[in-house]
Structures are given as structure tokens and as C-alpha cells.
Protein backbone atom coordinates (compact mmCIF):
# COMPACT_ATOMS: atom_id res chain seq x y z
CA MET A 1 119.68 108.84 157.94
CA CYS A 2 119.81 107.57 154.42
CA VAL A 3 121.80 104.07 153.98
CA SER A 4 121.37 101.49 151.39
CA VAL A 5 122.80 97.97 150.12
CA CYS A 6 123.24 97.04 146.67
CA LYS A 7 123.47 93.32 145.79
CA GLY A 8 125.49 92.86 142.41
CA SER A 9 128.00 90.30 141.41
CA VAL A 10 127.91 87.27 143.25
CA GLY A 11 130.43 87.05 146.11
CA TRP A 12 130.14 90.78 146.45
CA ARG A 13 128.01 93.58 148.30
CA ILE A 14 128.19 97.32 148.14
CA VAL A 15 127.54 99.30 151.38
CA LEU A 16 126.85 102.59 150.93
CA LEU A 17 127.11 105.18 153.93
CA ASP A 18 125.11 108.37 154.75
CA SER A 19 128.29 110.39 155.81
CA TYR A 20 126.32 113.37 156.71
CA ASP A 21 123.99 111.59 159.18
CA LEU A 22 124.88 114.09 161.46
CA ASN A 23 125.92 117.68 160.10
CA CYS A 24 125.17 121.17 160.08
CA ILE A 25 126.57 121.78 156.75
CA ASP A 26 122.81 122.64 155.24
CA THR A 27 122.09 126.30 155.75
CA VAL A 28 118.63 125.92 154.33
CA GLU A 29 116.97 122.99 155.68
CA SER A 30 117.61 121.99 159.22
CA ASP A 31 116.00 119.60 161.74
CA ASP A 32 116.99 118.19 165.26
CA THR A 33 120.12 116.98 163.95
CA THR A 34 121.61 120.25 163.00
CA GLU A 35 121.73 121.48 166.79
CA GLU A 36 122.99 118.11 167.63
CA ALA A 37 126.01 118.50 165.08
CA TYR A 38 126.23 122.02 166.55
CA ASP A 39 126.84 120.38 170.16
CA TYR A 40 129.08 117.50 169.00
CA LEU A 41 131.43 120.13 167.34
CA ALA A 42 131.35 122.93 170.37
CA LYS A 43 133.19 119.62 172.41
CA HIS A 44 135.98 119.78 169.93
CA ASN A 45 136.10 123.36 168.27
CA PRO A 46 135.81 126.55 170.66
CA ASN A 47 135.73 128.41 167.62
CA GLU A 48 132.44 130.57 166.31
CA LEU A 49 130.92 127.85 164.03
CA ARG A 50 127.27 129.27 163.22
CA VAL A 51 129.07 132.02 161.31
CA ARG A 52 130.18 131.70 157.85
CA GLY A 53 132.52 133.41 155.41
CA THR A 54 134.16 135.43 157.90
CA VAL A 55 135.67 133.09 160.65
CA ASP A 56 138.42 130.77 160.48
CA TRP A 57 136.76 127.46 161.55
CA LYS A 58 140.16 125.83 161.98
CA ALA A 59 141.61 128.40 164.20
CA GLY A 60 143.74 126.92 167.07
CA LEU A 61 143.44 123.63 165.60
CA GLU A 62 145.91 121.40 164.41
CA GLY A 63 146.25 117.76 162.64
CA ARG A 64 143.29 115.36 162.50
CA ASN A 65 141.35 117.60 165.01
CA MET A 66 141.08 120.21 162.08
CA ARG A 67 138.24 118.00 160.76
CA PHE A 68 136.09 119.20 163.62
CA VAL A 69 134.63 121.85 161.01
CA PRO A 70 130.70 122.48 159.75
CA PHE A 71 131.33 121.07 156.21
CA ASN A 72 132.19 117.70 157.56
CA GLY A 73 129.69 115.19 159.31
CA GLY A 74 129.57 112.19 161.15
CA ILE A 75 127.51 108.98 161.29
CA ARG A 76 125.65 108.38 164.40
CA PRO A 77 125.10 105.19 166.32
CA ALA A 78 121.99 103.72 164.54
CA GLN A 79 124.06 103.36 161.27
CA LEU A 80 127.45 102.43 162.88
CA ALA A 81 124.89 99.49 164.28
CA TRP A 82 123.39 99.14 160.88
CA LEU A 83 126.88 98.92 159.16
CA ARG A 84 127.83 96.19 161.73
CA LYS A 85 124.95 94.19 160.76
CA GLN A 86 125.80 94.56 157.37
CA LEU A 87 129.34 93.28 157.40
CA GLN A 88 127.80 90.40 160.00
CA GLU A 89 125.62 89.22 157.28
CA ALA A 90 128.46 89.87 154.52
CA GLU A 91 130.95 87.58 156.45
CA SER A 92 128.60 84.77 156.96
CA ALA A 93 127.59 84.87 153.31
CA LYS A 94 131.36 84.66 152.55
CA GLU A 95 130.91 88.24 150.40
CA ARG A 96 133.36 91.10 150.22
CA VAL A 97 132.16 94.21 150.85
CA ILE A 98 132.64 97.71 148.97
CA VAL A 99 131.96 100.42 151.17
CA LEU A 100 130.97 103.98 149.40
CA ALA A 101 130.52 107.25 151.43
CA HIS A 102 131.08 111.00 150.49
CA VAL A 103 133.23 111.57 153.31
CA PRO A 104 136.51 110.06 153.91
CA ILE A 105 136.90 107.97 157.06
CA ALA A 106 140.56 106.67 156.93
CA PRO A 107 143.69 109.41 157.36
CA GLY A 108 146.20 109.45 154.44
CA SER A 109 143.37 108.95 151.81
CA ALA A 110 142.53 112.56 152.02
CA GLN A 111 143.50 115.54 154.10
CA ASP A 112 142.90 115.68 157.23
CA VAL A 113 140.37 118.64 157.44
CA CYS A 114 138.35 116.40 155.11
CA LEU A 115 137.63 113.51 157.60
CA ALA A 116 134.68 112.38 158.88
CA TRP A 117 134.03 113.64 162.57
CA ASN A 118 133.76 110.29 164.26
CA TYR A 119 136.32 108.50 161.43
CA ALA A 120 137.88 106.36 164.43
CA GLU A 121 134.47 104.77 165.00
CA VAL A 122 133.74 103.79 161.71
CA LEU A 123 137.19 102.04 161.38
CA GLY A 124 136.63 100.37 164.43
CA VAL A 125 133.39 98.78 162.77
CA LEU A 126 135.11 97.80 160.06
CA ASP A 127 138.01 96.25 161.89
CA GLU A 128 135.58 94.04 163.68
CA HIS A 129 135.70 91.83 160.25
CA PRO A 130 138.80 91.55 158.91
CA LEU A 131 139.09 90.24 155.16
CA THR A 132 135.33 91.00 154.60
CA VAL A 133 135.92 94.80 153.41
CA ALA A 134 137.85 94.96 150.35
CA ALA A 135 137.71 98.72 149.75
CA VAL A 136 136.07 102.19 150.53
CA PHE A 137 135.52 104.84 147.93
CA THR A 138 134.94 108.30 148.96
CA GLY A 139 135.04 111.76 147.78
CA HIS A 140 134.82 115.24 149.42
CA ASP A 141 138.61 116.30 149.54
CA HIS A 142 139.09 117.87 146.09
CA ALA A 143 142.68 116.71 145.90
CA GLY A 144 141.67 112.82 145.67
CA GLY A 145 143.82 110.50 147.31
CA LYS A 146 144.28 106.66 148.64
CA THR A 147 145.76 104.52 151.41
CA THR A 148 145.83 101.04 152.61
CA ARG A 149 144.84 100.22 156.14
CA LYS A 150 144.68 96.55 157.33
CA GLY A 151 144.56 95.23 153.80
CA VAL A 152 141.44 97.78 153.19
CA HIS A 153 141.96 99.80 150.24
CA PHE A 154 140.60 103.53 150.85
CA VAL A 155 140.10 105.75 147.67
CA CYS A 156 139.13 108.93 147.74
CA LEU A 157 138.30 110.36 144.24
CA PRO A 158 139.18 113.91 143.26
CA SER A 159 136.58 116.55 142.28
CA PRO A 160 135.44 117.10 138.73
CA LEU A 161 135.49 120.68 139.51
CA HIS A 162 139.19 120.54 138.60
CA ALA A 163 138.81 118.66 135.48
CA GLY A 164 140.10 121.26 133.15
CA PRO A 165 141.08 121.26 128.88
CA GLU A 166 144.26 119.49 129.57
CA VAL A 167 142.30 116.53 130.73
CA GLY A 168 139.73 116.80 128.20
CA GLU A 169 137.38 118.24 131.28
CA LEU A 170 136.75 114.59 132.30
CA ALA A 171 137.06 113.29 135.73
CA HIS A 172 135.32 109.72 136.29
CA SER A 173 136.08 106.14 137.23
CA THR A 174 134.47 102.71 136.76
CA VAL A 175 135.52 99.86 138.80
CA ALA A 176 135.49 96.62 137.24
CA VAL A 177 135.15 94.00 139.84
CA HIS A 178 136.55 90.15 139.25
CA ALA A 179 136.78 87.33 141.71
CA ASP A 180 140.38 88.30 142.90
CA ARG A 181 140.93 92.18 142.12
CA LEU A 182 138.94 95.30 141.74
CA VAL A 183 140.60 97.63 138.78
CA LEU A 184 139.75 101.13 138.45
CA HIS A 185 139.32 102.54 134.82
CA ASN A 186 140.06 106.24 135.08
CA LYS A 187 139.29 109.19 132.84
CA GLY A 188 140.74 112.67 132.77
CA PHE A 189 141.67 114.08 136.40
CA VAL A 190 141.58 110.70 138.10
CA ALA A 191 143.76 109.28 135.76
CA GLN A 192 146.46 109.07 138.49
CA LEU A 193 144.60 106.63 140.21
CA THR A 194 145.48 103.51 138.29
CA LYS A 195 144.86 99.98 139.16
CA LEU A 196 143.52 98.97 142.77
CA LYS A 197 144.06 94.78 143.48
CA THR A 198 142.81 93.60 146.58
CA GLY A 199 145.04 90.79 146.85
CA LEU A 200 141.91 88.36 147.92
CA THR A 201 139.30 87.15 146.36
CA ALA A 202 135.37 87.37 146.75
CA ARG A 203 134.69 84.55 148.80
CA GLY A 204 131.05 83.72 147.35
CA LYS A 205 130.28 81.40 144.16
CA GLY A 206 132.55 83.55 141.79
CA GLY A 207 133.04 87.55 142.22
CA VAL A 208 133.26 88.15 138.36
CA ALA A 209 131.92 91.39 137.51
């Protein structure tokens, strides 16, 4: 498990989650969690998941159940407890939080097939601290997307793999953190995601980036 916290602008806290904490995507290096991940998936997906390239992992799955495939991942209880502690500390310090992860955790921000296995558990932890989390930035779904849930902005940034010459082969964003809003400055393939306003201020001593 690799998680970290970045303290930057006053009034804001950035939390980085390891959304492959539980995974079986790595076919080169594996550990005890690989078998744990296959066992977890077997409870939700009857297909042969150890075979790659010749099996339709999504066969028979519908809607959000399509997320139970090997190229996604999950966040185990220890990291969920760590996230809960970070949010408690941020709330006590009157900080707003920005969460970063690779695999999306909010339906509507990405295709169902790209969601984290236990996204509902992660959202449950976020829901314990309303008005603390301002935004969650993810990737993984190459098309990208965004949604708002309970006042939290969930933004999935599209993949630079699809940034062709028509967009100058660019696909990146910078986020300007202000006291009352987050503003995305996007280039190339990400340009359809223009501005993100939190509608709420950082609750520390300022919050200007």
C-alpha cells in the first residue's frame, strides 16, 4: 500500500490513494494480495479471469457489475481507515481536501467498467465528512468524464494516449487552488473540462494557491 498526504496551500490538504492496493493487474510481479484479489473477484465474476487476451472478462456482467474485472483494483480496509483518519484531521483543522487516485470511485465520472471494485466503501468514507472533500481527481477511463455527488466534484481526466495532432498532441491540466474555488486550466485533449468551482471556501487561514 502506497498512500501519502501533501500539505500545500493554507487551508487545503491533498490526499493520494493507492487504488491498486488490492489488484491482480500485474502479471510480472505478484505477492499475497494477488491471490486475495482473484478470490475477491471470483465472488462477483464467474468468468476465467486468469486468462488474458482470449476471454471476455465482462461476459454475463451488466451495469456497474462490469467493474469486477482484473484491470481495475480495490482499496483494502487498512487504507480506508487511513483515509478516514486523514479526513477527520482535515475537518478538525478546518481544511478542504483534494483526493487523487488512478481508478475512478464515483459512478457517472467514468464508465461503469472502469470503477474501483469497492467504490461504494470509499464513497461511504467520504460521506462521513460532508463539506470537507472538495474534489476527487482520477484517470483510468481513457475517455474521461466528470460528475458531482453530494457537493464533491469527481473528475476523471482523459488519457494522453488519444491526444493526436488535431489537439497538438497535448493532454494535461493544471489546477489553480483559490480560497473559494478550484479552476482547471486544460490543454489539448482535456480542453472539454474547462472550469471547476467548488462553491465553498477552504476553511483554514486562506486557501490561495
